[in-house]
Amino acid sequence: MAKQYVTVRSATSQADTGQTDTVRPPGWADEATIYLNWTAKAGTTPLMDFKLQNVDPVAGTALDFQWNGITQLSSEALVVIHVGLPNVDTEDDTGVVYFLKDDLPGEMNLVTTLDRTSSNEVYTYTIAIEYRDH
């Protein structure tokens, strides 16, 4: 079984409303595990959301996965999202470990949304992916 690990983002004291990171899995990869590791926060109302999008590689248009994203985080956590695993009949849509029925697309967006309601919220986190073949 082939594996490849990639760090997508390493943010220290990030003070904005988030970002979209576009990734292209290796052609041999059938599945991926995404690790969102929120390790520190500061401010009045730090909240974090995260979702995945399929991307049309020609037009660049993005469409959300049928999964509606993680349960909003209000404190530090390690979130693990499995995409493209065989035999996932029912999506696990709660908690901090998610199993998605979607196939691993050729290009996808990892969308992080950070609350800045009080303008004093800052976030330290990483996003990493482990790609695998079956």
N, C-alpha and C. Protein backbone atom coordinates (compact mmCIF):
# COMPACT_ATOMS: atom_id res chain seq x y z
N MET A 1 0.85 -1.18 0.00
CA MET A 1 0.00 0.00 0.00
C MET A 1 0.90 1.24 0.00
N ALA A 2 0.69 2.11 -0.96
CA ALA A 2 1.45 3.36 -1.04
C ALA A 2 0.82 4.41 -0.13
N LYS A 3 1.67 5.28 0.45
CA LYS A 3 1.22 6.37 1.30
C LYS A 3 2.04 7.61 1.00
N GLN A 4 1.40 8.75 1.19
CA GLN A 4 2.11 10.02 1.07
C GLN A 4 1.49 11.00 2.07
N TYR A 5 2.34 11.69 2.81
CA TYR A 5 1.88 12.67 3.79
C TYR A 5 2.21 14.07 3.28
N VAL A 6 1.25 14.99 3.43
CA VAL A 6 1.43 16.35 2.96
C VAL A 6 0.92 17.32 4.03
N THR A 7 1.72 18.31 4.38
CA THR A 7 1.25 19.40 5.23
C THR A 7 0.69 20.47 4.31
N VAL A 8 -0.59 20.77 4.46
CA VAL A 8 -1.26 21.74 3.60
C VAL A 8 -1.12 23.15 4.17
N ARG A 9 -1.25 23.28 5.49
CA ARG A 9 -1.18 24.60 6.12
C ARG A 9 -0.68 24.44 7.55
N SER A 10 0.16 25.38 7.93
CA SER A 10 0.63 25.48 9.31
C SER A 10 0.48 26.94 9.70
N ALA A 11 -0.56 27.25 10.48
CA ALA A 11 -0.89 28.63 10.82
C ALA A 11 -0.59 28.90 12.29
N THR A 12 0.11 29.99 12.54
CA THR A 12 0.42 30.41 13.90
C THR A 12 -0.19 31.78 14.14
N SER A 13 -1.07 31.87 15.12
CA SER A 13 -1.74 33.13 15.47
C SER A 13 -2.37 33.79 14.25
N GLN A 14 -3.10 33.00 13.47
CA GLN A 14 -3.77 33.53 12.27
C GLN A 14 -4.94 34.40 12.71
N ALA A 15 -4.99 35.62 12.19
CA ALA A 15 -6.00 36.59 12.59
C ALA A 15 -6.77 37.08 11.38
N ASP A 16 -7.44 36.17 10.69
CA ASP A 16 -8.32 36.55 9.58
C ASP A 16 -9.51 35.59 9.58
N THR A 17 -10.34 35.65 8.56
CA THR A 17 -11.57 34.85 8.54
C THR A 17 -11.40 33.48 7.89
N GLY A 18 -10.16 33.08 7.60
CA GLY A 18 -9.92 31.76 7.05
C GLY A 18 -9.45 31.80 5.62
N GLN A 19 -9.48 30.63 5.00
CA GLN A 19 -8.98 30.52 3.63
C GLN A 19 -9.45 29.22 3.00
N THR A 20 -9.18 29.15 1.69
CA THR A 20 -9.43 27.93 0.93
C THR A 20 -8.09 27.43 0.40
N ASP A 21 -7.77 26.18 0.73
CA ASP A 21 -6.57 25.54 0.22
C ASP A 21 -7.00 24.51 -0.82
N THR A 22 -6.48 24.62 -2.04
CA THR A 22 -6.80 23.68 -3.11
C THR A 22 -5.71 22.62 -3.17
N VAL A 23 -6.12 21.36 -3.18
CA VAL A 23 -5.15 20.25 -3.25
C VAL A 23 -5.51 19.34 -4.42
N ARG A 24 -4.47 18.73 -4.98
CA ARG A 24 -4.64 17.74 -6.05
C ARG A 24 -4.01 16.44 -5.57
N PRO A 25 -4.83 15.47 -5.19
CA PRO A 25 -4.28 14.19 -4.72
C PRO A 25 -3.43 13.53 -5.81
N PRO A 26 -2.43 12.75 -5.42
CA PRO A 26 -1.66 12.01 -6.42
C PRO A 26 -2.58 11.09 -7.22
N GLY A 27 -2.25 10.85 -8.48
CA GLY A 27 -3.10 10.04 -9.35
C GLY A 27 -3.32 8.63 -8.86
N TRP A 28 -2.39 8.07 -8.10
CA TRP A 28 -2.51 6.71 -7.60
C TRP A 28 -3.39 6.61 -6.35
N ALA A 29 -3.70 7.74 -5.69
CA ALA A 29 -4.42 7.72 -4.42
C ALA A 29 -5.90 7.47 -4.61
N ASP A 30 -6.45 6.58 -3.81
CA ASP A 30 -7.88 6.27 -3.81
C ASP A 30 -8.60 6.86 -2.60
N GLU A 31 -7.85 7.10 -1.54
CA GLU A 31 -8.45 7.56 -0.30
C GLU A 31 -7.51 8.53 0.40
N ALA A 32 -8.09 9.31 1.31
CA ALA A 32 -7.30 10.28 2.05
C ALA A 32 -7.86 10.43 3.45
N THR A 33 -6.97 10.75 4.36
CA THR A 33 -7.36 11.14 5.71
C THR A 33 -6.84 12.55 5.92
N ILE A 34 -7.75 13.46 6.26
CA ILE A 34 -7.42 14.86 6.47
C ILE A 34 -7.40 15.11 7.98
N TYR A 35 -6.33 15.75 8.43
CA TYR A 35 -6.17 16.06 9.85
C TYR A 35 -6.21 17.57 10.04
N LEU A 36 -7.22 18.05 10.73
CA LEU A 36 -7.32 19.46 11.12
C LEU A 36 -7.01 19.50 12.61
N ASN A 37 -5.87 20.07 12.96
CA ASN A 37 -5.41 20.06 14.35
C ASN A 37 -5.33 21.49 14.87
N TRP A 38 -6.37 21.89 15.62
CA TRP A 38 -6.45 23.23 16.21
C TRP A 38 -5.79 23.15 17.58
N THR A 39 -4.67 23.83 17.75
CA THR A 39 -3.86 23.66 18.95
C THR A 39 -3.87 24.85 19.91
N ALA A 40 -4.24 26.04 19.45
CA ALA A 40 -4.27 27.20 20.35
C ALA A 40 -5.23 28.25 19.81
N LYS A 41 -5.74 29.06 20.73
CA LYS A 41 -6.68 30.12 20.35
C LYS A 41 -6.55 31.26 21.35
N ALA A 42 -7.07 32.41 20.95
CA ALA A 42 -7.18 33.55 21.84
C ALA A 42 -8.32 34.41 21.33
N GLY A 43 -8.84 35.27 22.19
CA GLY A 43 -9.90 36.18 21.78
C GLY A 43 -11.23 35.86 22.43
N THR A 44 -12.23 36.65 22.06
CA THR A 44 -13.54 36.59 22.70
C THR A 44 -14.38 35.40 22.24
N THR A 45 -14.52 35.18 20.96
CA THR A 45 -15.41 34.13 20.45
C THR A 45 -14.75 33.30 19.36
N PRO A 46 -13.65 32.62 19.64
CA PRO A 46 -13.02 31.83 18.58
C PRO A 46 -13.87 30.60 18.22
N LEU A 47 -14.27 30.54 16.98
CA LEU A 47 -15.05 29.41 16.44
C LEU A 47 -14.44 29.02 15.11
N MET A 48 -14.41 27.71 14.82
CA MET A 48 -13.82 27.23 13.57
C MET A 48 -14.79 26.30 12.85
N ASP A 49 -14.92 26.51 11.54
CA ASP A 49 -15.69 25.62 10.66
C ASP A 49 -14.76 25.11 9.58
N PHE A 50 -15.11 23.95 9.01
CA PHE A 50 -14.27 23.34 7.98
C PHE A 50 -15.16 22.49 7.10
N LYS A 51 -14.97 22.61 5.78
CA LYS A 51 -15.73 21.77 4.84
C LYS A 51 -14.84 21.45 3.65
N LEU A 52 -15.32 20.53 2.81
CA LEU A 52 -14.62 20.12 1.60
C LEU A 52 -15.46 20.45 0.39
N GLN A 53 -14.79 20.75 -0.72
CA GLN A 53 -15.46 21.03 -1.99
C GLN A 53 -14.79 20.27 -3.12
N ASN A 54 -15.60 19.77 -4.04
CA ASN A 54 -15.10 19.25 -5.32
C ASN A 54 -14.79 20.46 -6.19
N VAL A 55 -13.74 20.35 -7.01
CA VAL A 55 -13.36 21.45 -7.89
C VAL A 55 -13.33 20.94 -9.32
N ASP A 56 -14.00 21.67 -10.22
CA ASP A 56 -13.91 21.40 -11.65
C ASP A 56 -12.52 21.83 -12.08
N PRO A 57 -11.65 20.90 -12.52
CA PRO A 57 -10.27 21.26 -12.82
C PRO A 57 -10.11 22.15 -14.05
N VAL A 58 -11.12 22.23 -14.88
CA VAL A 58 -11.04 23.08 -16.07
C VAL A 58 -11.55 24.49 -15.77
N ALA A 59 -12.78 24.57 -15.24
CA ALA A 59 -13.39 25.87 -14.98
C ALA A 59 -13.00 26.45 -13.63
N GLY A 60 -12.57 25.59 -12.69
CA GLY A 60 -12.22 26.06 -11.35
C GLY A 60 -13.41 26.26 -10.44
N THR A 61 -14.60 25.92 -10.92
CA THR A 61 -15.81 26.06 -10.12
C THR A 61 -15.83 25.03 -9.00
N ALA A 62 -16.23 25.45 -7.82
CA ALA A 62 -16.25 24.55 -6.66
C ALA A 62 -17.68 24.25 -6.23
N LEU A 63 -17.88 23.04 -5.75
CA LEU A 63 -19.18 22.58 -5.27
C LEU A 63 -18.95 21.81 -3.97
N ASP A 64 -19.70 22.17 -2.93
CA ASP A 64 -19.55 21.48 -1.65
C ASP A 64 -19.79 19.99 -1.78
N PHE A 65 -19.03 19.20 -1.01
CA PHE A 65 -19.35 17.78 -0.86
C PHE A 65 -20.78 17.68 -0.32
N GLN A 66 -21.43 16.55 -0.49
CA GLN A 66 -22.77 16.38 0.07
C GLN A 66 -22.74 16.47 1.59
N TRP A 67 -21.61 16.07 2.19
CA TRP A 67 -21.40 16.22 3.62
C TRP A 67 -21.38 17.71 3.94
N ASN A 68 -21.98 18.11 5.05
CA ASN A 68 -22.14 19.54 5.32
C ASN A 68 -21.04 20.13 6.20
N GLY A 69 -19.91 19.47 6.32
CA GLY A 69 -18.79 20.01 7.08
C GLY A 69 -18.78 19.53 8.51
N ILE A 70 -17.74 19.92 9.22
CA ILE A 70 -17.59 19.48 10.60
C ILE A 70 -18.62 20.17 11.50
N THR A 71 -18.84 19.61 12.66
CA THR A 71 -19.59 20.30 13.69
C THR A 71 -18.70 21.44 14.16
N GLN A 72 -19.24 22.65 14.19
CA GLN A 72 -18.44 23.83 14.51
C GLN A 72 -17.66 23.61 15.81
N LEU A 73 -16.39 24.00 15.77
CA LEU A 73 -15.53 23.87 16.94
C LEU A 73 -15.50 25.17 17.72
N SER A 74 -15.54 25.07 19.05
CA SER A 74 -15.39 26.25 19.91
C SER A 74 -14.15 26.14 20.78
N SER A 75 -13.46 25.01 20.69
CA SER A 75 -12.22 24.84 21.43
C SER A 75 -11.28 23.95 20.64
N GLU A 76 -10.04 23.91 21.08
CA GLU A 76 -9.02 23.16 20.38
C GLU A 76 -9.41 21.69 20.26
N ALA A 77 -9.07 21.10 19.12
CA ALA A 77 -9.42 19.70 18.86
C ALA A 77 -8.61 19.19 17.68
N LEU A 78 -8.48 17.88 17.61
CA LEU A 78 -7.97 17.20 16.43
C LEU A 78 -9.17 16.59 15.72
N VAL A 79 -9.41 17.02 14.49
CA VAL A 79 -10.50 16.51 13.68
C VAL A 79 -9.91 15.63 12.59
N VAL A 80 -10.49 14.44 12.39
CA VAL A 80 -10.01 13.49 11.39
C VAL A 80 -11.14 13.21 10.42
N ILE A 81 -10.87 13.40 9.12
CA ILE A 81 -11.89 13.22 8.08
C ILE A 81 -11.37 12.20 7.07
N HIS A 82 -12.10 11.10 6.91
CA HIS A 82 -11.74 10.04 5.96
C HIS A 82 -12.56 10.21 4.69
N VAL A 83 -11.90 10.25 3.54
CA VAL A 83 -12.56 10.40 2.24
C VAL A 83 -12.13 9.26 1.33
N GLY A 84 -13.10 8.64 0.64
CA GLY A 84 -12.78 7.62 -0.36
C GLY A 84 -12.56 6.24 0.20
N LEU A 85 -12.87 6.02 1.47
CA LEU A 85 -12.70 4.68 2.02
C LEU A 85 -13.71 3.72 1.41
N PRO A 86 -13.31 2.49 1.11
CA PRO A 86 -14.28 1.54 0.56
C PRO A 86 -15.28 1.11 1.64
N ASN A 87 -16.46 0.75 1.21
CA ASN A 87 -17.50 0.18 2.07
C ASN A 87 -18.04 1.13 3.13
N VAL A 88 -17.99 2.42 2.88
CA VAL A 88 -18.65 3.37 3.78
C VAL A 88 -20.05 3.58 3.23
N ASP A 89 -21.03 2.99 3.90
CA ASP A 89 -22.42 3.07 3.44
C ASP A 89 -23.16 4.26 4.03
N THR A 90 -22.79 4.64 5.24
CA THR A 90 -23.46 5.74 5.92
C THR A 90 -22.39 6.72 6.41
N GLU A 91 -22.59 7.98 6.07
CA GLU A 91 -21.64 8.97 6.53
C GLU A 91 -21.76 9.17 8.03
N ASP A 92 -20.62 9.30 8.70
CA ASP A 92 -20.58 9.66 10.10
C ASP A 92 -20.42 11.17 10.12
N ASP A 93 -21.42 11.88 10.59
CA ASP A 93 -21.49 13.33 10.45
C ASP A 93 -21.45 14.05 11.80
N THR A 94 -20.93 13.40 12.83
CA THR A 94 -20.87 14.04 14.14
C THR A 94 -19.53 13.73 14.79
N GLY A 95 -19.24 14.45 15.86
CA GLY A 95 -18.01 14.19 16.60
C GLY A 95 -16.81 14.82 15.94
N VAL A 96 -15.64 14.23 16.19
CA VAL A 96 -14.40 14.76 15.61
C VAL A 96 -13.76 13.80 14.61
N VAL A 97 -14.38 12.63 14.40
CA VAL A 97 -13.92 11.69 13.38
C VAL A 97 -15.07 11.48 12.41
N TYR A 98 -14.80 11.75 11.12
CA TYR A 98 -15.83 11.70 10.09
C TYR A 98 -15.47 10.68 9.02
N PHE A 99 -16.47 9.94 8.53
CA PHE A 99 -16.31 9.01 7.42
C PHE A 99 -17.25 9.46 6.32
N LEU A 100 -16.70 9.84 5.15
CA LEU A 100 -17.50 10.36 4.05
C LEU A 100 -17.64 9.32 2.95
N LYS A 101 -18.82 9.28 2.33
CA LYS A 101 -19.07 8.35 1.23
C LYS A 101 -18.45 8.81 -0.07
N ASP A 102 -18.10 10.08 -0.18
CA ASP A 102 -17.59 10.63 -1.42
C ASP A 102 -16.29 9.95 -1.85
N ASP A 103 -16.14 9.77 -3.17
CA ASP A 103 -14.87 9.32 -3.71
C ASP A 103 -13.86 10.46 -3.58
N LEU A 104 -12.59 10.11 -3.57
CA LEU A 104 -11.54 11.12 -3.53
C LEU A 104 -11.48 11.80 -4.91
N PRO A 105 -11.77 13.11 -4.98
CA PRO A 105 -11.76 13.78 -6.28
C PRO A 105 -10.35 14.07 -6.76
N GLY A 106 -10.22 14.42 -8.03
CA GLY A 106 -8.92 14.78 -8.59
C GLY A 106 -8.41 16.13 -8.10
N GLU A 107 -9.33 16.97 -7.64
CA GLU A 107 -8.98 18.27 -7.09
C GLU A 107 -10.05 18.64 -6.08
N MET A 108 -9.64 19.16 -4.93
CA MET A 108 -10.63 19.55 -3.93
C MET A 108 -10.14 20.74 -3.13
N ASN A 109 -11.10 21.47 -2.59
CA ASN A 109 -10.82 22.60 -1.72
C ASN A 109 -11.03 22.17 -0.27
N LEU A 110 -10.12 22.62 0.58
CA LEU A 110 -10.27 22.49 2.03
C LEU A 110 -10.57 23.90 2.52
N VAL A 111 -11.80 24.12 2.98
CA VAL A 111 -12.27 25.46 3.30
C VAL A 111 -12.34 25.63 4.82
N THR A 112 -11.51 26.52 5.34
CA THR A 112 -11.48 26.82 6.77
C THR A 112 -12.12 28.19 6.98
N THR A 113 -13.09 28.26 7.90
CA THR A 113 -13.74 29.52 8.23
C THR A 113 -13.48 29.81 9.71
N LEU A 114 -12.93 30.97 9.99
CA LEU A 114 -12.56 31.37 11.35
C LEU A 114 -13.39 32.57 11.76
N ASP A 115 -14.02 32.50 12.93
CA ASP A 115 -14.86 33.59 13.42
C ASP A 115 -13.98 34.77 13.85
N ARG A 116 -14.35 35.96 13.42
CA ARG A 116 -13.65 37.18 13.83
C ARG A 116 -14.66 38.23 14.29
N THR A 117 -15.75 37.78 14.93
CA THR A 117 -16.82 38.69 15.35
C THR A 117 -16.30 39.84 16.20
N SER A 118 -15.42 39.54 17.14
CA SER A 118 -14.90 40.58 18.04
C SER A 118 -13.59 41.19 17.54
N SER A 119 -13.11 40.72 16.39
CA SER A 119 -11.87 41.21 15.77
C SER A 119 -10.62 40.96 16.60
N ASN A 120 -10.73 40.14 17.65
CA ASN A 120 -9.55 39.85 18.46
C ASN A 120 -9.23 38.35 18.50
N GLU A 121 -9.93 37.55 17.72
CA GLU A 121 -9.73 36.11 17.72
C GLU A 121 -8.52 35.74 16.87
N VAL A 122 -7.67 34.85 17.39
CA VAL A 122 -6.54 34.32 16.64
C VAL A 122 -6.50 32.81 16.81
N TYR A 123 -5.93 32.13 15.82
CA TYR A 123 -5.98 30.67 15.74
C TYR A 123 -4.62 30.11 15.36
N THR A 124 -4.24 29.01 16.01
CA THR A 124 -3.05 28.26 15.63
C THR A 124 -3.50 26.85 15.31
N TYR A 125 -3.19 26.38 14.09
CA TYR A 125 -3.67 25.07 13.65
C TYR A 125 -2.85 24.59 12.47
N THR A 126 -2.98 23.31 12.20
CA THR A 126 -2.38 22.72 11.01
C THR A 126 -3.43 21.91 10.26
N ILE A 127 -3.21 21.77 8.96
CA ILE A 127 -4.01 20.88 8.12
C ILE A 127 -3.01 19.98 7.40
N ALA A 128 -3.21 18.69 7.53
CA ALA A 128 -2.33 17.72 6.87
C ALA A 128 -3.20 16.64 6.24
N ILE A 129 -2.65 15.98 5.22
CA ILE A 129 -3.38 14.91 4.53
C ILE A 129 -2.47 13.71 4.39
N GLU A 130 -3.03 12.54 4.63
CA GLU A 130 -2.37 11.27 4.33
C GLU A 130 -3.13 10.66 3.15
N TYR A 131 -2.45 10.53 2.01
CA TYR A 131 -3.04 9.88 0.84
C TYR A 131 -2.65 8.40 0.84
N ARG A 132 -3.58 7.53 0.43
CA ARG A 132 -3.31 6.08 0.35
C ARG A 132 -4.00 5.50 -0.87
N ASP A 133 -3.51 4.32 -1.30
CA ASP A 133 -4.26 3.55 -2.28
C ASP A 133 -4.82 2.33 -1.55
N HIS A 134 -5.85 1.72 -2.13
CA HIS A 134 -6.50 0.56 -1.49
C HIS A 134 -5.57 -0.63 -1.50
